[in-house]
Amino acid sequence: MRPSVTKIKIALALALAATRPALAGELTNAVVPATARGFYNSGTRLLAAKKYADAEKMFQSSLAAQDGPMQPLALYNLGHARFGEGVEILKKGPDAQQATALGNPALVRGGNAIRSAESALAENNLEKMVAAYLEGRGARRNLRAAEKAVQAAMETYGQALQKWRRAADDFKGAMELKPADTNALRNAEAVELGIAQLVDSLQQMQAMAGAMGGQQAQLGKLTGKLKGQIPAPDAPPDGTGDDGEDDDGGVQPDSLKGREEKAAREGDQMQTQLSPDAASQILNGLSLDGSRRLPMGDTQGAPPKDKAGRNW
């Protein structure tokens, strides 16, 4: 015997309560979604409230219902939700521009320390070797701190990139299902532009992290040589605990090996091009013409014809 519609709705309500506790307040005074149209409308309300993660779940549920006329609408709004999630990730995560602002002087200091160590070793000057050893240890600590900040920013940008790539696919999918929707095409192009800027920023940060890792390895070897050349009575305090266990230069991640170290030269500057504010500007430029609730009824009506949409 097939379950009744009422039982299906009750089951859906229980499932939503168990898997989406954040939506409990939204559903208290509203009908629990049970159709593609219902999920779409709930998602649209959440999208307007900038609750992007919850909106994404609703649009996915709408798509899962396999309702043909609702597919392009749900995909269109899903693109907005995922792009908005990416912007929120960038806002809440480490600022890449601040991270690279730490990295640039760290690389300059590291380059100076390398030159000082090489010069002291070449001259075999005890006083200079002691000073170069201390300078090298300080530069390596500085490089490690800056590299950690850049790596954290890279992780944030990588998470946002995943969301934006899916958003671009969503807009393209909506366009394939509804070729006349020029807004989907424009949004896909805008998101692709944001993706290109994000990738460029990631590549710059990766190059910076690679340069910092290379300097740390080089300084590790040089400070080791300096320490070996300095007589015990004149040796500065042991660096164990300052440099950790990476006095031999440490082990670089495979993704950073072989990177060019041109950023290590004094005066070289590496700047990321996409900030959270810039990402928000892209989000504001996306059209929301499809993000409107549809009438609840038995028949699946066409989306509103009024295209005089507002900017998101």
C-alpha atoms as a PDB file:
ATOM      1  CA  MET A   1       0.000   0.000   0.000  1.00  0.00           C
ATOM      2  CA  ARG A   2       1.377   3.419  -0.984  1.00  0.00           C
ATOM      3  CA  PRO A   3       1.778   5.900   1.882  1.00  0.00           C
ATOM      4  CA  SER A   4      -0.625   8.836   1.923  1.00  0.00           C
ATOM      5  CA  VAL A   5       0.444  12.365   0.991  1.00  0.00           C
ATOM      6  CA  THR A   6      -0.030  13.388   4.628  1.00  0.00           C
ATOM      7  CA  LYS A   7       2.349  10.703   5.840  1.00  0.00           C
ATOM      8  CA  ILE A   8       4.933  11.737   3.233  1.00  0.00           C
ATOM      9  CA  LYS A   9       4.739  15.354   4.412  1.00  0.00           C
ATOM     10  CA  ILE A  10       5.130  14.280   8.036  1.00  0.00           C
ATOM     11  CA  ALA A  11       8.179  12.184   7.113  1.00  0.00           C
ATOM     12  CA  LEU A  12       9.692  15.122   5.246  1.00  0.00           C
ATOM     13  CA  ALA A  13       9.082  17.403   8.221  1.00  0.00           C
ATOM     14  CA  LEU A  14      10.839  14.986  10.576  1.00  0.00           C
ATOM     15  CA  ALA A  15      13.743  14.627   8.164  1.00  0.00           C
ATOM     16  CA  LEU A  16      14.139  18.396   7.893  1.00  0.00           C
ATOM     17  CA  ALA A  17      14.020  18.804  11.663  1.00  0.00           C
ATOM     18  CA  ALA A  18      16.769  16.198  12.040  1.00  0.00           C
ATOM     19  CA  THR A  19      19.092  17.338   9.282  1.00  0.00           C
ATOM     20  CA  ARG A  20      18.518  21.096   9.177  1.00  0.00           C
ATOM     21  CA  PRO A  21      18.168  22.355  12.784  1.00  0.00           C
ATOM     22  CA  ALA A  22      19.203  25.833  11.662  1.00  0.00           C
ATOM     23  CA  LEU A  23      15.961  26.086   9.705  1.00  0.00           C
ATOM     24  CA  ALA A  24      13.660  25.310  12.615  1.00  0.00           C
ATOM     25  CA  GLY A  25      12.832  28.959  13.184  1.00  0.00           C
ATOM     26  CA  GLU A  26      12.152  29.482   9.488  1.00  0.00           C
ATOM     27  CA  LEU A  27       9.691  26.600   9.371  1.00  0.00           C
ATOM     28  CA  THR A  28       7.835  27.269  12.608  1.00  0.00           C
ATOM     29  CA  ASN A  29       5.192  29.444  10.996  1.00  0.00           C
ATOM     30  CA  ALA A  30       5.460  28.158   7.437  1.00  0.00           C
ATOM     31  CA  VAL A  31       4.347  25.098   5.536  1.00  0.00           C
ATOM     32  CA  VAL A  32       7.055  22.448   5.465  1.00  0.00           C
ATOM     33  CA  PRO A  33       8.299  22.104   1.867  1.00  0.00           C
ATOM     34  CA  ALA A  34       7.216  18.886   0.213  1.00  0.00           C
ATOM     35  CA  THR A  35       7.477  19.672  -3.496  1.00  0.00           C
ATOM     36  CA  ALA A  36      10.084  21.051  -5.865  1.00  0.00           C
ATOM     37  CA  ARG A  37       8.200  24.363  -5.878  1.00  0.00           C
ATOM     38  CA  GLY A  38       8.010  24.423  -2.083  1.00  0.00           C
ATOM     39  CA  PHE A  39      11.715  23.771  -1.664  1.00  0.00           C
ATOM     40  CA  TYR A  40      12.446  26.417  -4.286  1.00  0.00           C
ATOM     41  CA  ASN A  41      10.314  29.034  -2.504  1.00  0.00           C
ATOM     42  CA  SER A  42      11.876  28.229   0.869  1.00  0.00           C
ATOM     43  CA  GLY A  43      15.317  28.480  -0.676  1.00  0.00           C
ATOM     44  CA  THR A  44      14.459  31.834  -2.221  1.00  0.00           C
ATOM     45  CA  ARG A  45      13.406  33.225   1.157  1.00  0.00           C
ATOM     46  CA  LEU A  46      16.655  32.028   2.679  1.00  0.00           C
ATOM     47  CA  LEU A  47      18.641  33.441  -0.238  1.00  0.00           C
ATOM     48  CA  ALA A  48      17.053  36.853   0.275  1.00  0.00           C
ATOM     49  CA  ALA A  49      18.041  36.614   3.952  1.00  0.00           C
ATOM     50  CA  LYS A  50      21.629  35.782   2.880  1.00  0.00           C
ATOM     51  CA  LYS A  51      21.451  32.381   4.564  1.00  0.00           C
ATOM     52  CA  TYR A  52      23.364  30.890   1.693  1.00  0.00           C
ATOM     53  CA  ALA A  53      24.211  27.451   3.095  1.00  0.00           C
ATOM     54  CA  ASP A  54      20.597  26.749   4.064  1.00  0.00           C
ATOM     55  CA  ALA A  55      19.369  28.101   0.732  1.00  0.00           C
ATOM     56  CA  GLU A  56      21.771  25.766  -1.069  1.00  0.00           C
ATOM     57  CA  LYS A  57      20.228  22.767   0.683  1.00  0.00           C
ATOM     58  CA  MET A  58      16.720  23.824  -0.288  1.00  0.00           C
ATOM     59  CA  PHE A  59      17.598  24.321  -3.948  1.00  0.00           C
ATOM     60  CA  GLN A  60      19.331  20.948  -3.990  1.00  0.00           C
ATOM     61  CA  SER A  61      16.168  19.384  -2.590  1.00  0.00           C
ATOM     62  CA  SER A  62      14.148  21.126  -5.298  1.00  0.00           C
ATOM     63  CA  LEU A  63      16.441  19.696  -7.959  1.00  0.00           C
ATOM     64  CA  ALA A  64      16.265  16.233  -6.399  1.00  0.00           C
ATOM     65  CA  ALA A  65      12.482  16.261  -6.881  1.00  0.00           C
ATOM     66  CA  GLN A  66      13.092  16.028 -10.656  1.00  0.00           C
ATOM     67  CA  ASP A  67      10.417  18.565 -11.556  1.00  0.00           C
ATOM     68  CA  GLY A  68      11.296  19.647 -15.109  1.00  0.00           C
ATOM     69  CA  PRO A  69       9.947  23.239 -15.119  1.00  0.00           C
ATOM     70  CA  MET A  70      11.567  23.956 -11.749  1.00  0.00           C
ATOM     71  CA  GLN A  71      15.032  22.711 -12.725  1.00  0.00           C
ATOM     72  CA  PRO A  72      16.412  25.859 -14.415  1.00  0.00           C
ATOM     73  CA  LEU A  73      14.986  28.111 -11.690  1.00  0.00           C
ATOM     74  CA  ALA A  74      16.493  26.029  -8.902  1.00  0.00           C
ATOM     75  CA  LEU A  75      19.847  25.824 -10.690  1.00  0.00           C
ATOM     76  CA  TYR A  76      19.866  29.584 -11.235  1.00  0.00           C
ATOM     77  CA  ASN A  77      19.304  30.348  -7.572  1.00  0.00           C
ATOM     78  CA  LEU A  78      21.661  27.578  -6.498  1.00  0.00           C
ATOM     79  CA  GLY A  79      24.379  29.445  -8.368  1.00  0.00           C
ATOM     80  CA  HIS A  80      23.609  32.572  -6.352  1.00  0.00           C
ATOM     81  CA  ALA A  81      23.646  30.645  -3.079  1.00  0.00           C
ATOM     82  CA  ARG A  82      26.991  28.989  -3.760  1.00  0.00           C
ATOM     83  CA  PHE A  83      28.629  32.172  -4.963  1.00  0.00           C
ATOM     84  CA  GLY A  84      27.353  33.925  -1.826  1.00  0.00           C
ATOM     85  CA  GLU A  85      28.829  31.142   0.293  1.00  0.00           C
ATOM     86  CA  GLY A  86      32.187  31.740  -1.348  1.00  0.00           C
ATOM     87  CA  VAL A  87      32.020  35.454  -0.561  1.00  0.00           C
ATOM     88  CA  GLU A  88      31.189  34.681   3.078  1.00  0.00           C
ATOM     89  CA  ILE A  89      34.147  32.298   3.288  1.00  0.00           C
ATOM     90  CA  LEU A  90      36.446  35.047   2.044  1.00  0.00           C
ATOM     91  CA  LYS A  91      35.020  37.555   4.524  1.00  0.00           C
ATOM     92  CA  LYS A  92      35.388  35.262   7.528  1.00  0.00           C
ATOM     93  CA  GLY A  93      38.771  33.781   6.603  1.00  0.00           C
ATOM     94  CA  PRO A  94      42.275  35.282   6.736  1.00  0.00           C
ATOM     95  CA  ASP A  95      42.820  38.284   4.467  1.00  0.00           C
ATOM     96  CA  ALA A  96      45.213  37.356   1.671  1.00  0.00           C
ATOM     97  CA  GLN A  97      46.365  40.933   1.252  1.00  0.00           C
ATOM     98  CA  GLN A  98      47.324  41.126   4.915  1.00  0.00           C
ATOM     99  CA  ALA A  99      49.093  37.776   4.644  1.00  0.00           C
ATOM    100  CA  THR A 100      51.146  38.890   1.666  1.00  0.00           C
ATOM    101  CA  ALA A 101      51.849  42.181   3.445  1.00  0.00           C
ATOM    102  CA  LEU A 102      53.586  40.050   6.082  1.00  0.00           C
ATOM    103  CA  GLY A 103      55.277  37.894   3.461  1.00  0.00           C
ATOM    104  CA  ASN A 104      56.936  40.679   1.477  1.00  0.00           C
ATOM    105  CA  PRO A 105      59.067  42.086   4.330  1.00  0.00           C
ATOM    106  CA  ALA A 106      59.786  38.559   5.572  1.00  0.00           C
ATOM    107  CA  LEU A 107      61.230  37.700   2.159  1.00  0.00           C
ATOM    108  CA  VAL A 108      63.298  40.894   2.123  1.00  0.00           C
ATOM    109  CA  ARG A 109      64.638  40.103   5.595  1.00  0.00           C
ATOM    110  CA  GLY A 110      65.326  36.519   4.582  1.00  0.00           C
ATOM    111  CA  GLY A 111      67.227  37.629   1.494  1.00  0.00           C
ATOM    112  CA  ASN A 112      69.337  39.993   3.578  1.00  0.00           C
ATOM    113  CA  ALA A 113      70.065  37.253   6.116  1.00  0.00           C
ATOM    114  CA  ILE A 114      71.150  34.873   3.354  1.00  0.00           C
ATOM    115  CA  ARG A 115      73.550  37.420   1.923  1.00  0.00           C
ATOM    116  CA  SER A 116      74.951  38.230   5.375  1.00  0.00           C
ATOM    117  CA  ALA A 117      75.533  34.532   6.107  1.00  0.00           C
ATOM    118  CA  GLU A 118      77.222  33.914   2.775  1.00  0.00           C
ATOM    119  CA  SER A 119      79.441  36.967   3.216  1.00  0.00           C
ATOM    120  CA  ALA A 120      80.434  36.031   6.785  1.00  0.00           C
ATOM    121  CA  LEU A 121      81.340  32.497   5.730  1.00  0.00           C
ATOM    122  CA  ALA A 122      83.371  33.757   2.780  1.00  0.00           C
ATOM    123  CA  GLU A 123      85.313  36.195   4.969  1.00  0.00           C
ATOM    124  CA  ASN A 124      85.624  33.714   7.844  1.00  0.00           C
ATOM    125  CA  ASN A 125      85.060  36.652  10.179  1.00  0.00           C
ATOM    126  CA  LEU A 126      84.054  35.412  13.643  1.00  0.00           C
ATOM    127  CA  GLU A 127      82.160  38.544  14.672  1.00  0.00           C
ATOM    128  CA  LYS A 128      80.226  38.623  11.412  1.00  0.00           C
ATOM    129  CA  MET A 129      79.478  34.888  11.614  1.00  0.00           C
ATOM    130  CA  VAL A 130      77.948  35.245  15.091  1.00  0.00           C
ATOM    131  CA  ALA A 131      75.860  38.211  13.941  1.00  0.00           C
ATOM    132  CA  ALA A 132      74.808  36.402  10.732  1.00  0.00           C
ATOM    133  CA  TYR A 133      73.845  33.291  12.699  1.00  0.00           C
ATOM    134  CA  LEU A 134      71.549  35.290  14.992  1.00  0.00           C
ATOM    135  CA  GLU A 135      70.142  37.232  12.055  1.00  0.00           C
ATOM    136  CA  GLY A 136      69.471  34.008  10.160  1.00  0.00           C
ATOM    137  CA  ARG A 137      67.601  32.433  13.076  1.00  0.00           C
ATOM    138  CA  GLY A 138      65.414  35.526  13.479  1.00  0.00           C
ATOM    139  CA  ALA A 139      64.713  35.681   9.762  1.00  0.00           C
ATOM    140  CA  ARG A 140      63.648  32.036   9.712  1.00  0.00           C
ATOM    141  CA  ARG A 141      61.202  32.550  12.568  1.00  0.00           C
ATOM    142  CA  ASN A 142      59.783  35.537  10.724  1.00  0.00           C
ATOM    143  CA  LEU A 143      59.476  33.535   7.503  1.00  0.00           C
ATOM    144  CA  ARG A 144      57.684  30.677   9.240  1.00  0.00           C
ATOM    145  CA  ALA A 145      55.113  33.018  10.773  1.00  0.00           C
ATOM    146  CA  ALA A 146      54.475  34.750   7.451  1.00  0.00           C
ATOM    147  CA  GLU A 147      54.263  31.451   5.572  1.00  0.00           C
ATOM    148  CA  LYS A 148      51.707  30.164   8.067  1.00  0.00           C
ATOM    149  CA  ALA A 149      49.551  33.236   7.436  1.00  0.00           C
ATOM    150  CA  VAL A 150      49.821  32.801   3.656  1.00  0.00           C
ATOM    151  CA  GLN A 151      48.972  29.093   3.875  1.00  0.00           C
ATOM    152  CA  ALA A 152      45.865  29.903   5.938  1.00  0.00           C
ATOM    153  CA  ALA A 153      44.767  32.455   3.340  1.00  0.00           C
ATOM    154  CA  MET A 154      45.405  29.927   0.571  1.00  0.00           C
ATOM    155  CA  GLU A 155      43.145  27.414   2.303  1.00  0.00           C
ATOM    156  CA  THR A 156      40.382  30.012   2.570  1.00  0.00           C
ATOM    157  CA  TYR A 157      40.714  30.988  -1.089  1.00  0.00           C
ATOM    158  CA  GLY A 158      40.714  27.324  -2.099  1.00  0.00           C
ATOM    159  CA  GLN A 159      37.420  26.726  -0.284  1.00  0.00           C
ATOM    160  CA  ALA A 160      35.858  29.773  -1.929  1.00  0.00           C
ATOM    161  CA  LEU A 161      37.142  28.627  -5.321  1.00  0.00           C
ATOM    162  CA  GLN A 162      35.324  25.299  -4.960  1.00  0.00           C
ATOM    163  CA  LYS A 163      32.037  27.095  -4.259  1.00  0.00           C
ATOM    164  CA  TRP A 164      32.487  29.499  -7.164  1.00  0.00           C
ATOM    165  CA  ARG A 165      33.306  26.781  -9.658  1.00  0.00           C
ATOM    166  CA  ARG A 166      30.121  24.971  -8.691  1.00  0.00           C
ATOM    167  CA  ALA A 167      28.199  28.246  -8.938  1.00  0.00           C
ATOM    168  CA  ALA A 168      29.477  28.768 -12.482  1.00  0.00           C
ATOM    169  CA  ASP A 169      28.356  25.239 -13.373  1.00  0.00           C
ATOM    170  CA  ASP A 170      24.930  25.941 -11.877  1.00  0.00           C
ATOM    171  CA  PHE A 171      24.427  29.054 -14.029  1.00  0.00           C
ATOM    172  CA  LYS A 172      25.645  27.170 -17.106  1.00  0.00           C
ATOM    173  CA  GLY A 173      23.249  24.330 -16.306  1.00  0.00           C
ATOM    174  CA  ALA A 174      20.357  26.771 -16.009  1.00  0.00           C
ATOM    175  CA  MET A 175      21.352  28.272 -19.343  1.00  0.00           C
ATOM    176  CA  GLU A 176      21.434  24.850 -21.023  1.00  0.00           C
ATOM    177  CA  LEU A 177      17.951  24.028 -19.744  1.00  0.00           C
ATOM    178  CA  LYS A 178      16.632  27.461 -20.663  1.00  0.00           C
ATOM    179  CA  PRO A 179      18.775  28.951 -23.479  1.00  0.00           C
ATOM    180  CA  ALA A 180      16.683  32.126 -23.579  1.00  0.00           C
ATOM    181  CA  ASP A 181      17.802  33.050 -20.065  1.00  0.00           C
ATOM    182  CA  THR A 182      20.469  35.644 -20.865  1.00  0.00           C
ATOM    183  CA  ASN A 183      20.849  36.480 -17.176  1.00  0.00           C
ATOM    184  CA  ALA A 184      22.213  32.982 -16.541  1.00  0.00           C
ATOM    185  CA  LEU A 185      24.811  33.547 -19.249  1.00  0.00           C
ATOM    186  CA  ARG A 186      25.825  36.926 -17.830  1.00  0.00           C
ATOM    187  CA  ASN A 187      26.067  35.509 -14.319  1.00  0.00           C
ATOM    188  CA  ALA A 188      28.172  32.583 -15.493  1.00  0.00           C
ATOM    189  CA  GLU A 189      30.559  35.010 -17.184  1.00  0.00           C
ATOM    190  CA  ALA A 190      30.743  37.212 -14.063  1.00  0.00           C
ATOM    191  CA  VAL A 191      31.509  34.228 -11.855  1.00  0.00           C
ATOM    192  CA  GLU A 192      34.150  32.999 -14.309  1.00  0.00           C
ATOM    193  CA  LEU A 193      35.799  36.423 -14.021  1.00  0.00           C
ATOM    194  CA  GLY A 194      35.811  36.109 -10.246  1.00  0.00           C
ATOM    195  CA  ILE A 195      37.252  32.606 -10.525  1.00  0.00           C
ATOM    196  CA  ALA A 196      40.076  33.850 -12.754  1.00  0.00           C
ATOM    197  CA  GLN A 197      40.960  36.546 -10.210  1.00  0.00           C
ATOM    198  CA  LEU A 198      40.782  34.045  -7.373  1.00  0.00           C
ATOM    199  CA  VAL A 199      43.060  31.595  -9.197  1.00  0.00           C
ATOM    200  CA  ASP A 200      45.512  34.408  -9.926  1.00  0.00           C
ATOM    201  CA  SER A 201      45.592  35.311  -6.243  1.00  0.00           C
ATOM    202  CA  LEU A 202      46.109  31.674  -5.264  1.00  0.00           C
ATOM    203  CA  GLN A 203      48.991  31.292  -7.707  1.00  0.00           C
ATOM    204  CA  GLN A 204      50.666  34.406  -6.346  1.00  0.00           C
ATOM    205  CA  MET A 205      50.290  33.192  -2.775  1.00  0.00           C
ATOM    206  CA  GLN A 206      51.594  29.745  -3.704  1.00  0.00           C
ATOM    207  CA  ALA A 207      54.640  31.306  -5.339  1.00  0.00           C
ATOM    208  CA  MET A 208      55.210  33.427  -2.235  1.00  0.00           C
ATOM    209  CA  ALA A 209      54.872  30.421   0.063  1.00  0.00           C
ATOM    210  CA  GLY A 210      57.318  28.524  -2.135  1.00  0.00           C
ATOM    211  CA  ALA A 211      59.819  31.384  -1.994  1.00  0.00           C
ATOM    212  CA  MET A 212      59.531  31.556   1.791  1.00  0.00           C
ATOM    213  CA  GLY A 213      59.979  27.804   2.083  1.00  0.00           C
ATOM    214  CA  GLY A 214      63.051  27.998  -0.141  1.00  0.00           C
ATOM    215  CA  GLN A 215      64.568  30.754   1.973  1.00  0.00           C
ATOM    216  CA  GLN A 216      63.929  28.799   5.159  1.00  0.00           C
ATOM    217  CA  ALA A 217      65.705  25.781   3.712  1.00  0.00           C
ATOM    218  CA  GLN A 218      68.643  27.895   2.542  1.00  0.00           C
ATOM    219  CA  LEU A 219      68.918  29.683   5.872  1.00  0.00           C
ATOM    220  CA  GLY A 220      68.769  26.372   7.699  1.00  0.00           C
ATOM    221  CA  LYS A 221      71.799  25.141   5.820  1.00  0.00           C
ATOM    222  CA  LEU A 222      73.703  28.410   6.214  1.00  0.00           C
ATOM    223  CA  THR A 223      73.036  28.714   9.947  1.00  0.00           C
ATOM    224  CA  GLY A 224      74.181  25.111  10.302  1.00  0.00           C
ATOM    225  CA  LYS A 225      77.462  25.964   8.567  1.00  0.00           C
ATOM    226  CA  LEU A 226      77.879  29.103  10.652  1.00  0.00           C
ATOM    227  CA  LYS A 227      77.294  27.184  13.856  1.00  0.00           C
ATOM    228  CA  GLY A 228      79.940  24.684  12.834  1.00  0.00           C
ATOM    229  CA  GLN A 229      82.488  27.451  12.143  1.00  0.00           C
ATOM    230  CA  ILE A 230      81.961  29.334  15.408  1.00  0.00           C
ATOM    231  CA  PRO A 231      84.204  28.129  18.289  1.00  0.00           C
ATOM    232  CA  ALA A 232      82.266  26.808  21.287  1.00  0.00           C
ATOM    233  CA  PRO A 233      83.342  29.626  23.659  1.00  0.00           C
ATOM    234  CA  ASP A 234      82.017  32.217  21.205  1.00  0.00           C
ATOM    235  CA  ALA A 235      78.899  30.342  20.148  1.00  0.00           C
ATOM    236  CA  PRO A 236      75.565  32.065  20.795  1.00  0.00           C
ATOM    237  CA  PRO A 237      72.879  30.197  22.768  1.00  0.00           C
ATOM    238  CA  ASP A 238      71.647  27.021  21.054  1.00  0.00           C
ATOM    239  CA  GLY A 239      68.763  27.715  18.702  1.00  0.00           C
ATOM    240  CA  THR A 240      66.914  24.515  19.650  1.00  0.00           C
ATOM    241  CA  GLY A 241      63.360  25.530  20.495  1.00  0.00           C
ATOM    242  CA  ASP A 242      63.575  28.648  18.348  1.00  0.00           C
ATOM    243  CA  ASP A 243      63.886  26.887  15.041  1.00  0.00           C
ATOM    244  CA  GLY A 244      62.376  23.590  16.149  1.00  0.00           C
ATOM    245  CA  GLU A 245      63.722  20.529  14.407  1.00  0.00           C
ATOM    246  CA  ASP A 246      64.197  22.116  11.012  1.00  0.00           C
ATOM    247  CA  ASP A 247      67.808  23.357  11.385  1.00  0.00           C
ATOM    248  CA  ASP A 248      68.681  21.264   8.344  1.00  0.00           C
ATOM    249  CA  GLY A 249      66.349  23.350   6.216  1.00  0.00           C
ATOM    250  CA  GLY A 250      63.141  21.469   6.870  1.00  0.00           C
ATOM    251  CA  VAL A 251      61.020  19.506   4.427  1.00  0.00           C
ATOM    252  CA  GLN A 252      58.959  21.458   1.935  1.00  0.00           C
ATOM    253  CA  PRO A 253      55.584  20.232   0.712  1.00  0.00           C
ATOM    254  CA  ASP A 254      55.781  18.666  -2.743  1.00  0.00           C
ATOM    255  CA  SER A 255      53.502  21.384  -4.094  1.00  0.00           C
ATOM    256  CA  LEU A 256      56.096  24.027  -3.229  1.00  0.00           C
ATOM    257  CA  LYS A 257      59.274  22.294  -4.397  1.00  0.00           C
ATOM    258  CA  GLY A 258      61.023  23.767  -7.371  1.00  0.00           C
ATOM    259  CA  ARG A 259      59.272  27.124  -7.109  1.00  0.00           C
ATOM    260  CA  GLU A 260      61.113  30.203  -8.330  1.00  0.00           C
ATOM    261  CA  GLU A 261      62.517  32.309  -5.524  1.00  0.00           C
ATOM    262  CA  LYS A 262      62.659  35.582  -7.424  1.00  0.00           C
ATOM    263  CA  ALA A 263      60.354  37.106  -4.794  1.00  0.00           C
ATOM    264  CA  ALA A 264      63.203  36.742  -2.321  1.00  0.00           C
ATOM    265  CA  ARG A 265      65.086  39.597  -3.953  1.00  0.00           C
ATOM    266  CA  GLU A 266      64.820  42.874  -2.132  1.00  0.00           C
ATOM    267  CA  GLY A 267      62.206  45.147  -3.654  1.00  0.00           C
ATOM    268  CA  ASP A 268      60.138  42.371  -5.237  1.00  0.00           C
ATOM    269  CA  GLN A 269      56.497  42.695  -4.245  1.00  0.00           C
ATOM    270  CA  MET A 270      53.699  40.148  -4.633  1.00  0.00           C
ATOM    271  CA  GLN A 271      50.149  41.385  -4.374  1.00  0.00           C
ATOM    272  CA  THR A 272      46.905  39.434  -4.412  1.00  0.00           C
ATOM    273  CA  GLN A 273      44.284  40.975  -6.658  1.00  0.00           C
ATOM    274  CA  LEU A 274      41.005  39.782  -5.160  1.00  0.00           C
ATOM    275  CA  SER A 275      39.840  40.958  -1.754  1.00  0.00           C
ATOM    276  CA  PRO A 276      36.552  40.080   0.008  1.00  0.00           C
ATOM    277  CA  ASP A 277      35.293  43.550  -0.960  1.00  0.00           C
ATOM    278  CA  ALA A 278      36.042  42.863  -4.624  1.00  0.00           C
ATOM    279  CA  ALA A 279      34.238  39.527  -4.336  1.00  0.00           C
ATOM    280  CA  SER A 280      31.224  41.296  -2.855  1.00  0.00           C
ATOM    281  CA  GLN A 281      31.184  43.679  -5.815  1.00  0.00           C
ATOM    282  CA  ILE A 282      30.980  40.704  -8.166  1.00  0.00           C
ATOM    283  CA  LEU A 283      28.143  39.274  -6.075  1.00  0.00           C
ATOM    284  CA  ASN A 284      26.341  42.621  -6.239  1.00  0.00           C
ATOM    285  CA  GLY A 285      26.607  42.509 -10.026  1.00  0.00           C
ATOM    286  CA  LEU A 286      24.778  39.184 -10.414  1.00  0.00           C
ATOM    287  CA  SER A 287      21.188  39.414 -11.574  1.00  0.00           C
ATOM    288  CA  LEU A 288      18.532  37.905  -9.363  1.00  0.00           C
ATOM    289  CA  ASP A 289      15.710  37.901 -11.923  1.00  0.00           C
ATOM    290  CA  GLY A 290      15.072  34.196 -11.353  1.00  0.00           C
ATOM    291  CA  SER A 291      15.185  34.407  -7.569  1.00  0.00           C
ATOM    292  CA  ARG A 292      11.526  34.976  -6.951  1.00  0.00           C
ATOM    293  CA  ARG A 293       9.028  32.827  -5.173  1.00  0.00           C
ATOM    294  CA  LEU A 294       6.463  31.153  -7.327  1.00  0.00           C
ATOM    295  CA  PRO A 295       2.761  30.803  -6.468  1.00  0.00           C
ATOM    296  CA  MET A 296       1.961  27.638  -4.571  1.00  0.00           C
ATOM    297  CA  GLY A 297      -0.537  25.598  -6.524  1.00  0.00           C
ATOM    298  CA  ASP A 298      -1.206  22.307  -8.211  1.00  0.00           C
ATOM    299  CA  THR A 299      -0.036  23.520 -11.603  1.00  0.00           C
ATOM    300  CA  GLN A 300       3.521  24.507 -12.316  1.00  0.00           C
ATOM    301  CA  GLY A 301       3.208  28.021 -13.723  1.00  0.00           C
ATOM    302  CA  ALA A 302       5.879  29.777 -15.693  1.00  0.00           C
ATOM    303  CA  PRO A 303       8.246  32.122 -13.865  1.00  0.00           C
ATOM    304  CA  PRO A 304       7.205  35.771 -13.698  1.00  0.00           C
ATOM    305  CA  LYS A 305       7.694  37.612 -16.986  1.00  0.00           C
ATOM    306  CA  ASP A 306       8.742  40.817 -15.274  1.00  0.00           C
ATOM    307  CA  LYS A 307      12.483  40.988 -15.866  1.00  0.00           C
ATOM    308  CA  ALA A 308      13.048  44.383 -14.353  1.00  0.00           C
ATOM    309  CA  GLY A 309      15.126  42.789 -11.637  1.00  0.00           C
ATOM    310  CA  ARG A 310      17.190  44.421  -8.986  1.00  0.00           C
ATOM    311  CA  ASN A 311      20.917  43.999  -8.686  1.00  0.00           C
ATOM    312  CA  TRP A 312      22.087  41.488  -6.111  1.00  0.00           C
END
